[in-house]
């Protein structure tokens, strides 16, 4: 019984991270940016928001999320 609890706690973390990434990817598609370029630009810009917070902002405040994307866009690698 405890073995399942140990395993499932880790699976739960993995499942939520996957959900946050899917939400971010969808919101970034609406802002004409890919997920990988966005995350890379976030690291270069040294923005301290994690995927959970960014996903929540993307859902609850699309204009605020668009402002974050536009701010970070200048740090994105040129393609």
PDB file of N, CA and C in Angstrom:
ATOM      1  N   UNK A   1       0.818  -1.202   0.000  1.00  0.00           N
ATOM      2  CA  UNK A   1       0.000   0.000   0.000  1.00  0.00           C
ATOM      3  C   UNK A   1       0.861   1.266   0.000  1.00  0.00           C
ATOM      4  N   UNK A   2       1.865   1.320   0.839  1.00  0.00           N
ATOM      5  CA  UNK A   2       2.705   2.516   0.892  1.00  0.00           C
ATOM      6  C   UNK A   2       3.578   2.670  -0.351  1.00  0.00           C
ATOM      7  N   UNK A   3       3.882   1.565  -0.999  1.00  0.00           N
ATOM      8  CA  UNK A   3       4.664   1.635  -2.234  1.00  0.00           C
ATOM      9  C   UNK A   3       3.881   2.398  -3.296  1.00  0.00           C
ATOM     10  N   UNK A   4       2.591   2.168  -3.392  1.00  0.00           N
ATOM     11  CA  UNK A   4       1.758   2.873  -4.363  1.00  0.00           C
ATOM     12  C   UNK A   4       1.684   4.361  -4.045  1.00  0.00           C
ATOM     13  N   UNK A   5       1.611   4.699  -2.774  1.00  0.00           N
ATOM     14  CA  UNK A   5       1.541   6.098  -2.381  1.00  0.00           C
ATOM     15  C   UNK A   5       2.819   6.828  -2.790  1.00  0.00           C
ATOM     16  N   UNK A   6       3.956   6.190  -2.567  1.00  0.00           N
ATOM     17  CA  UNK A   6       5.246   6.777  -2.930  1.00  0.00           C
ATOM     18  C   UNK A   6       5.313   7.002  -4.441  1.00  0.00           C
ATOM     19  N   UNK A   7       4.956   6.005  -5.203  1.00  0.00           N
ATOM     20  CA  UNK A   7       4.998   6.079  -6.668  1.00  0.00           C
ATOM     21  C   UNK A   7       4.013   7.127  -7.188  1.00  0.00           C
ATOM     22  N   UNK A   8       2.818   7.138  -6.654  1.00  0.00           N
ATOM     23  CA  UNK A   8       1.777   8.022  -7.171  1.00  0.00           C
ATOM     24  C   UNK A   8       2.013   9.486  -6.824  1.00  0.00           C
ATOM     25  N   UNK A   9       2.710   9.771  -5.737  1.00  0.00           N
ATOM     26  CA  UNK A   9       3.060  11.163  -5.451  1.00  0.00           C
ATOM     27  C   UNK A   9       3.968  11.710  -6.543  1.00  0.00           C
ATOM     28  N   UNK A  10       4.888  10.900  -7.001  1.00  0.00           N
ATOM     29  CA  UNK A  10       5.771  11.324  -8.081  1.00  0.00           C
ATOM     30  C   UNK A  10       5.033  11.422  -9.406  1.00  0.00           C
ATOM     31  N   UNK A  11       4.117  10.506  -9.644  1.00  0.00           N
ATOM     32  CA  UNK A  11       3.315  10.544 -10.875  1.00  0.00           C
ATOM     33  C   UNK A  11       2.435  11.795 -10.903  1.00  0.00           C
ATOM     34  N   UNK A  12       1.911  12.180  -9.737  1.00  0.00           N
ATOM     35  CA  UNK A  12       1.068  13.367  -9.651  1.00  0.00           C
ATOM     36  C   UNK A  12       1.859  14.622 -10.043  1.00  0.00           C
ATOM     37  N   UNK A  13       3.094  14.731  -9.550  1.00  0.00           N
ATOM     38  CA  UNK A  13       3.946  15.874  -9.908  1.00  0.00           C
ATOM     39  C   UNK A  13       4.200  15.900 -11.409  1.00  0.00           C
ATOM     40  N   UNK A  14       4.469  14.742 -11.982  1.00  0.00           N
ATOM     41  CA  UNK A  14       4.735  14.633 -13.416  1.00  0.00           C
ATOM     42  C   UNK A  14       3.498  15.017 -14.230  1.00  0.00           C
ATOM     43  N   UNK A  15       2.335  14.569 -13.774  1.00  0.00           N
ATOM     44  CA  UNK A  15       1.088  14.867 -14.486  1.00  0.00           C
ATOM     45  C   UNK A  15       0.771  16.364 -14.465  1.00  0.00           C
ATOM     46  N   UNK A  16       0.983  17.006 -13.315  1.00  0.00           N
ATOM     47  CA  UNK A  16       0.696  18.436 -13.238  1.00  0.00           C
ATOM     48  C   UNK A  16       1.672  19.247 -14.080  1.00  0.00           C
ATOM     49  N   UNK A  17       2.951  18.870 -14.079  1.00  0.00           N
ATOM     50  CA  UNK A  17       3.915  19.586 -14.917  1.00  0.00           C
ATOM     51  C   UNK A  17       3.523  19.463 -16.386  1.00  0.00           C
ATOM     52  N   UNK A  18       3.090  18.296 -16.797  1.00  0.00           N
ATOM     53  CA  UNK A  18       2.645  18.079 -18.173  1.00  0.00           C
ATOM     54  C   UNK A  18       1.432  18.953 -18.496  1.00  0.00           C
ATOM     55  N   UNK A  19       0.502  19.092 -17.562  1.00  0.00           N
ATOM     56  CA  UNK A  19      -0.672  19.941 -17.746  1.00  0.00           C
ATOM     57  C   UNK A  19      -0.274  21.401 -17.893  1.00  0.00           C
ATOM     58  N   UNK A  20       0.631  21.878 -17.026  1.00  0.00           N
ATOM     59  CA  UNK A  20       1.064  23.277 -17.099  1.00  0.00           C
ATOM     60  C   UNK A  20       1.740  23.572 -18.425  1.00  0.00           C
ATOM     61  N   UNK A  21       2.556  22.635 -18.901  1.00  0.00           N
ATOM     62  CA  UNK A  21       3.251  22.837 -20.167  1.00  0.00           C
ATOM     63  C   UNK A  21       2.254  22.877 -21.324  1.00  0.00           C
ATOM     64  N   UNK A  22       1.251  22.017 -21.300  1.00  0.00           N
ATOM     65  CA  UNK A  22       0.233  22.010 -22.357  1.00  0.00           C
ATOM     66  C   UNK A  22      -0.543  23.321 -22.358  1.00  0.00           C
ATOM     67  N   UNK A  23      -0.888  23.824 -21.181  1.00  0.00           N
ATOM     68  CA  UNK A  23      -1.612  25.098 -21.096  1.00  0.00           C
ATOM     69  C   UNK A  23      -0.761  26.249 -21.607  1.00  0.00           C
ATOM     70  N   UNK A  24       0.517  26.263 -21.218  1.00  0.00           N
ATOM     71  CA  UNK A  24       1.410  27.321 -21.678  1.00  0.00           C
ATOM     72  C   UNK A  24       1.597  27.266 -23.187  1.00  0.00           C
ATOM     73  N   UNK A  25       1.756  26.074 -23.707  1.00  0.00           N
ATOM     74  CA  UNK A  25       1.939  25.916 -25.138  1.00  0.00           C
ATOM     75  C   UNK A  25       0.739  26.451 -25.913  1.00  0.00           C
ATOM     76  N   UNK A  26      -0.456  26.178 -25.427  1.00  0.00           N
ATOM     77  CA  UNK A  26      -1.670  26.678 -26.078  1.00  0.00           C
ATOM     78  C   UNK A  26      -1.744  28.201 -26.000  1.00  0.00           C
ATOM     79  N   UNK A  27      -1.443  28.756 -24.840  1.00  0.00           N
ATOM     80  CA  UNK A  27      -1.501  30.212 -24.681  1.00  0.00           C
ATOM     81  C   UNK A  27      -0.407  30.894 -25.508  1.00  0.00           C
ATOM     82  N   UNK A  28       0.756  30.276 -25.602  1.00  0.00           N
ATOM     83  CA  UNK A  28       1.837  30.860 -26.390  1.00  0.00           C
ATOM     84  C   UNK A  28       1.549  30.780 -27.884  1.00  0.00           C
ATOM     85  N   UNK A  29       0.830  29.750 -28.305  1.00  0.00           N
ATOM     86  CA  UNK A  29       0.431  29.655 -29.703  1.00  0.00           C
ATOM     87  C   UNK A  29      -0.441  30.826 -30.104  1.00  0.00           C
ATOM     88  N   UNK A  30      -1.291  31.264 -29.196  1.00  0.00           N
ATOM     89  CA  UNK A  30      -2.140  32.432 -29.459  1.00  0.00           C
ATOM     90  C   UNK A  30      -1.321  33.719 -29.514  1.00  0.00           C
ATOM     91  N   UNK A  31      -0.122  33.693 -28.913  1.00  0.00           N
ATOM     92  CA  UNK A  31       0.763  34.866 -28.915  1.00  0.00           C
ATOM     93  C   UNK A  31       1.923  34.715 -29.892  1.00  0.00           C
ATOM     94  N   UNK A  32       1.811  33.778 -30.829  1.00  0.00           N
ATOM     95  CA  UNK A  32       2.813  33.577 -31.880  1.00  0.00           C
ATOM     96  C   UNK A  32       4.217  33.316 -31.344  1.00  0.00           C
ATOM     97  N   UNK A  33       4.317  32.418 -30.380  1.00  0.00           N
ATOM     98  CA  UNK A  33       5.620  32.047 -29.847  1.00  0.00           C
ATOM     99  C   UNK A  33       5.567  30.583 -29.446  1.00  0.00           C
ATOM    100  N   UNK A  34       6.670  29.879 -29.618  1.00  0.00           N
ATOM    101  CA  UNK A  34       6.701  28.470 -29.227  1.00  0.00           C
ATOM    102  C   UNK A  34       7.093  28.356 -27.756  1.00  0.00           C
ATOM    103  N   UNK A  35       6.748  27.222 -27.177  1.00  0.00           N
ATOM    104  CA  UNK A  35       7.040  26.977 -25.766  1.00  0.00           C
ATOM    105  C   UNK A  35       8.551  26.979 -25.511  1.00  0.00           C
ATOM    106  N   UNK A  36       9.297  26.296 -26.360  1.00  0.00           N
ATOM    107  CA  UNK A  36      10.741  26.173 -26.123  1.00  0.00           C
ATOM    108  C   UNK A  36      11.444  27.522 -26.235  1.00  0.00           C
ATOM    109  N   UNK A  37      11.063  28.336 -27.216  1.00  0.00           N
ATOM    110  CA  UNK A  37      11.663  29.675 -27.338  1.00  0.00           C
ATOM    111  C   UNK A  37      11.295  30.542 -26.134  1.00  0.00           C
ATOM    112  N   UNK A  38      10.059  30.399 -25.655  1.00  0.00           N
ATOM    113  CA  UNK A  38       9.606  31.186 -24.506  1.00  0.00           C
ATOM    114  C   UNK A  38      10.397  30.830 -23.247  1.00  0.00           C
ATOM    115  N   UNK A  39      10.542  29.538 -22.980  1.00  0.00           N
ATOM    116  CA  UNK A  39      11.259  29.108 -21.776  1.00  0.00           C
ATOM    117  C   UNK A  39      12.725  29.537 -21.854  1.00  0.00           C
ATOM    118  N   UNK A  40      13.328  29.415 -23.038  1.00  0.00           N
ATOM    119  CA  UNK A  40      14.703  29.870 -23.210  1.00  0.00           C
ATOM    120  C   UNK A  40      14.838  31.364 -22.967  1.00  0.00           C
ATOM    121  N   UNK A  41      13.894  32.129 -23.485  1.00  0.00           N
ATOM    122  CA  UNK A  41      13.918  33.577 -23.293  1.00  0.00           C
ATOM    123  C   UNK A  41      13.669  33.945 -21.831  1.00  0.00           C
ATOM    124  N   UNK A  42      12.838  33.172 -21.154  1.00  0.00           N
ATOM    125  CA  UNK A  42      12.593  33.425 -19.727  1.00  0.00           C
ATOM    126  C   UNK A  42      13.883  33.256 -18.916  1.00  0.00           C
ATOM    127  N   UNK A  43      14.664  32.250 -19.262  1.00  0.00           N
ATOM    128  CA  UNK A  43      15.922  32.019 -18.552  1.00  0.00           C
ATOM    129  C   UNK A  43      16.923  33.131 -18.827  1.00  0.00           C
ATOM    130  N   UNK A  44      16.997  33.576 -20.081  1.00  0.00           N
ATOM    131  CA  UNK A  44      17.920  34.658 -20.441  1.00  0.00           C
ATOM    132  C   UNK A  44      17.499  35.950 -19.743  1.00  0.00           C
ATOM    133  N   UNK A  45      16.183  36.206 -19.696  1.00  0.00           N
ATOM    134  CA  UNK A  45      15.667  37.426 -19.075  1.00  0.00           C
ATOM    135  C   UNK A  45      15.672  37.354 -17.547  1.00  0.00           C
ATOM    136  N   UNK A  46      15.969  36.165 -17.018  1.00  0.00           N
ATOM    137  CA  UNK A  46      16.015  35.940 -15.562  1.00  0.00           C
ATOM    138  C   UNK A  46      14.681  36.270 -14.884  1.00  0.00           C
ATOM    139  N   UNK A  47      13.595  35.831 -15.527  1.00  0.00           N
ATOM    140  CA  UNK A  47      12.262  35.983 -14.944  1.00  0.00           C
ATOM    141  C   UNK A  47      12.038  34.802 -14.014  1.00  0.00           C
ATOM    142  N   UNK A  48      11.626  35.062 -12.788  1.00  0.00           N
ATOM    143  CA  UNK A  48      11.539  34.028 -11.771  1.00  0.00           C
ATOM    144  C   UNK A  48      10.201  33.332 -11.647  1.00  0.00           C
ATOM    145  N   UNK A  49       9.350  33.424 -12.648  1.00  0.00           N
ATOM    146  CA  UNK A  49       8.047  32.765 -12.583  1.00  0.00           C
ATOM    147  C   UNK A  49       8.179  31.326 -13.062  1.00  0.00           C
ATOM    148  N   UNK A  50       7.551  30.404 -12.328  1.00  0.00           N
ATOM    149  CA  UNK A  50       7.610  29.005 -12.740  1.00  0.00           C
ATOM    150  C   UNK A  50       6.420  28.655 -13.635  1.00  0.00           C
ATOM    151  N   UNK A  51       6.409  27.427 -14.120  1.00  0.00           N
ATOM    152  CA  UNK A  51       5.381  26.994 -15.066  1.00  0.00           C
ATOM    153  C   UNK A  51       3.990  27.016 -14.443  1.00  0.00           C
ATOM    154  N   UNK A  52       3.893  26.694 -13.178  1.00  0.00           N
ATOM    155  CA  UNK A  52       2.594  26.679 -12.492  1.00  0.00           C
ATOM    156  C   UNK A  52       1.992  28.087 -12.467  1.00  0.00           C
ATOM    157  N   UNK A  53       2.777  29.052 -12.094  1.00  0.00           N
ATOM    158  CA  UNK A  53       2.303  30.437 -12.001  1.00  0.00           C
ATOM    159  C   UNK A  53       1.990  30.982 -13.394  1.00  0.00           C
ATOM    160  N   UNK A  54       2.869  30.702 -14.354  1.00  0.00           N
ATOM    161  CA  UNK A  54       2.635  31.179 -15.722  1.00  0.00           C
ATOM    162  C   UNK A  54       1.366  30.581 -16.305  1.00  0.00           C
ATOM    163  N   UNK A  55       1.123  29.307 -16.029  1.00  0.00           N
ATOM    164  CA  UNK A  55      -0.094  28.657 -16.516  1.00  0.00           C
ATOM    165  C   UNK A  55      -1.334  29.314 -15.911  1.00  0.00           C
ATOM    166  N   UNK A  56      -1.265  29.620 -14.635  1.00  0.00           N
ATOM    167  CA  UNK A  56      -2.393  30.259 -13.957  1.00  0.00           C
ATOM    168  C   UNK A  56      -2.640  31.664 -14.528  1.00  0.00           C
ATOM    169  N   UNK A  57      -1.576  32.408 -14.778  1.00  0.00           N
ATOM    170  CA  UNK A  57      -1.714  33.750 -15.360  1.00  0.00           C
ATOM    171  C   UNK A  57      -2.314  33.653 -16.760  1.00  0.00           C
ATOM    172  N   UNK A  58      -1.856  32.677 -17.538  1.00  0.00           N
ATOM    173  CA  UNK A  58      -2.356  32.520 -18.908  1.00  0.00           C
ATOM    174  C   UNK A  58      -3.850  32.255 -18.932  1.00  0.00           C
ATOM    175  N   UNK A  59      -4.353  31.527 -17.947  1.00  0.00           N
ATOM    176  CA  UNK A  59      -5.782  31.201 -17.900  1.00  0.00           C
ATOM    177  C   UNK A  59      -6.600  32.364 -17.337  1.00  0.00           C
ATOM    178  N   UNK A  60      -6.139  32.957 -16.249  1.00  0.00           N
ATOM    179  CA  UNK A  60      -6.936  33.964 -15.547  1.00  0.00           C
ATOM    180  C   UNK A  60      -6.784  35.379 -16.102  1.00  0.00           C
ATOM    181  N   UNK A  61      -5.633  35.687 -16.702  1.00  0.00           N
ATOM    182  CA  UNK A  61      -5.368  37.041 -17.183  1.00  0.00           C
ATOM    183  C   UNK A  61      -4.630  36.988 -18.525  1.00  0.00           C
ATOM    184  N   UNK A  62      -5.355  36.723 -19.618  1.00  0.00           N
ATOM    185  CA  UNK A  62      -4.689  36.606 -20.919  1.00  0.00           C
ATOM    186  C   UNK A  62      -3.938  37.865 -21.347  1.00  0.00           C
ATOM    187  N   UNK A  63      -4.450  39.047 -21.006  1.00  0.00           N
ATOM    188  CA  UNK A  63      -3.753  40.280 -21.369  1.00  0.00           C
ATOM    189  C   UNK A  63      -2.450  40.415 -20.585  1.00  0.00           C
ATOM    190  N   UNK A  64      -2.468  40.058 -19.328  1.00  0.00           N
ATOM    191  CA  UNK A  64      -1.250  40.083 -18.521  1.00  0.00           C
ATOM    192  C   UNK A  64      -0.226  39.088 -19.029  1.00  0.00           C
ATOM    193  N   UNK A  65      -0.688  37.914 -19.439  1.00  0.00           N
ATOM    194  CA  UNK A  65       0.216  36.918 -19.994  1.00  0.00           C
ATOM    195  C   UNK A  65       0.811  37.409 -21.304  1.00  0.00           C
ATOM    196  N   UNK A  66       0.003  38.056 -22.127  1.00  0.00           N
ATOM    197  CA  UNK A  66       0.503  38.614 -23.384  1.00  0.00           C
ATOM    198  C   UNK A  66       1.573  39.674 -23.114  1.00  0.00           C
ATOM    199  N   UNK A  67       1.400  40.441 -22.047  1.00  0.00           N
ATOM    200  CA  UNK A  67       2.396  41.449 -21.683  1.00  0.00           C
ATOM    201  C   UNK A  67       3.709  40.781 -21.273  1.00  0.00           C
ATOM    202  N   UNK A  68       3.630  39.674 -20.545  1.00  0.00           N
ATOM    203  CA  UNK A  68       4.832  38.933 -20.157  1.00  0.00           C
ATOM    204  C   UNK A  68       5.522  38.395 -21.402  1.00  0.00           C
ATOM    205  N   UNK A  69       4.743  37.831 -22.320  1.00  0.00           N
ATOM    206  CA  UNK A  69       5.313  37.288 -23.556  1.00  0.00           C
ATOM    207  C   UNK A  69       5.998  38.388 -24.355  1.00  0.00           C
ATOM    208  N   UNK A  70       5.373  39.531 -24.481  1.00  0.00           N
ATOM    209  CA  UNK A  70       5.969  40.639 -25.235  1.00  0.00           C
ATOM    210  C   UNK A  70       7.230  41.158 -24.569  1.00  0.00           C
ATOM    211  N   UNK A  71       7.265  41.153 -23.260  1.00  0.00           N
ATOM    212  CA  UNK A  71       8.457  41.598 -22.528  1.00  0.00           C
ATOM    213  C   UNK A  71       9.618  40.631 -22.738  1.00  0.00           C
ATOM    214  N   UNK A  72       9.326  39.351 -22.752  1.00  0.00           N
ATOM    215  CA  UNK A  72      10.351  38.315 -22.865  1.00  0.00           C
ATOM    216  C   UNK A  72      10.766  38.104 -24.319  1.00  0.00           C
ATOM    217  N   UNK A  73       9.911  38.467 -25.251  1.00  0.00           N
ATOM    218  CA  UNK A  73      10.145  38.213 -26.679  1.00  0.00           C
ATOM    219  C   UNK A  73      11.494  38.775 -27.158  1.00  0.00           C
ATOM    220  N   UNK A  74      11.910  39.904 -26.632  1.00  0.00           N
ATOM    221  CA  UNK A  74      13.169  40.507 -27.066  1.00  0.00           C
ATOM    222  C   UNK A  74      14.383  39.659 -26.666  1.00  0.00           C
ATOM    223  N   UNK A  75      14.228  38.785 -25.689  1.00  0.00           N
ATOM    224  CA  UNK A  75      15.322  37.921 -25.243  1.00  0.00           C
ATOM    225  C   UNK A  75      15.323  36.569 -25.946  1.00  0.00           C
ATOM    226  N   UNK A  76      14.313  36.332 -26.784  1.00  0.00           N
ATOM    227  CA  UNK A  76      14.212  35.049 -27.485  1.00  0.00           C
ATOM    228  C   UNK A  76      15.299  34.944 -28.546  1.00  0.00           C
ATOM    229  N   UNK A  77      15.811  33.739 -28.760  1.00  0.00           N
ATOM    230  CA  UNK A  77      16.812  33.573 -29.812  1.00  0.00           C
ATOM    231  C   UNK A  77      16.217  33.859 -31.185  1.00  0.00           C
ATOM    232  N   UNK A  78      16.987  34.495 -32.035  1.00  0.00           N
ATOM    233  CA  UNK A  78      16.511  34.844 -33.375  1.00  0.00           C
ATOM    234  C   UNK A  78      16.529  33.595 -34.257  1.00  0.00           C
ATOM    235  N   UNK A  79      15.460  33.423 -35.027  1.00  0.00           N
ATOM    236  CA  UNK A  79      15.363  32.259 -35.919  1.00  0.00           C
ATOM    237  C   UNK A  79      15.424  32.706 -37.349  1.00  0.00           C
TER     238      UNK A  79
END
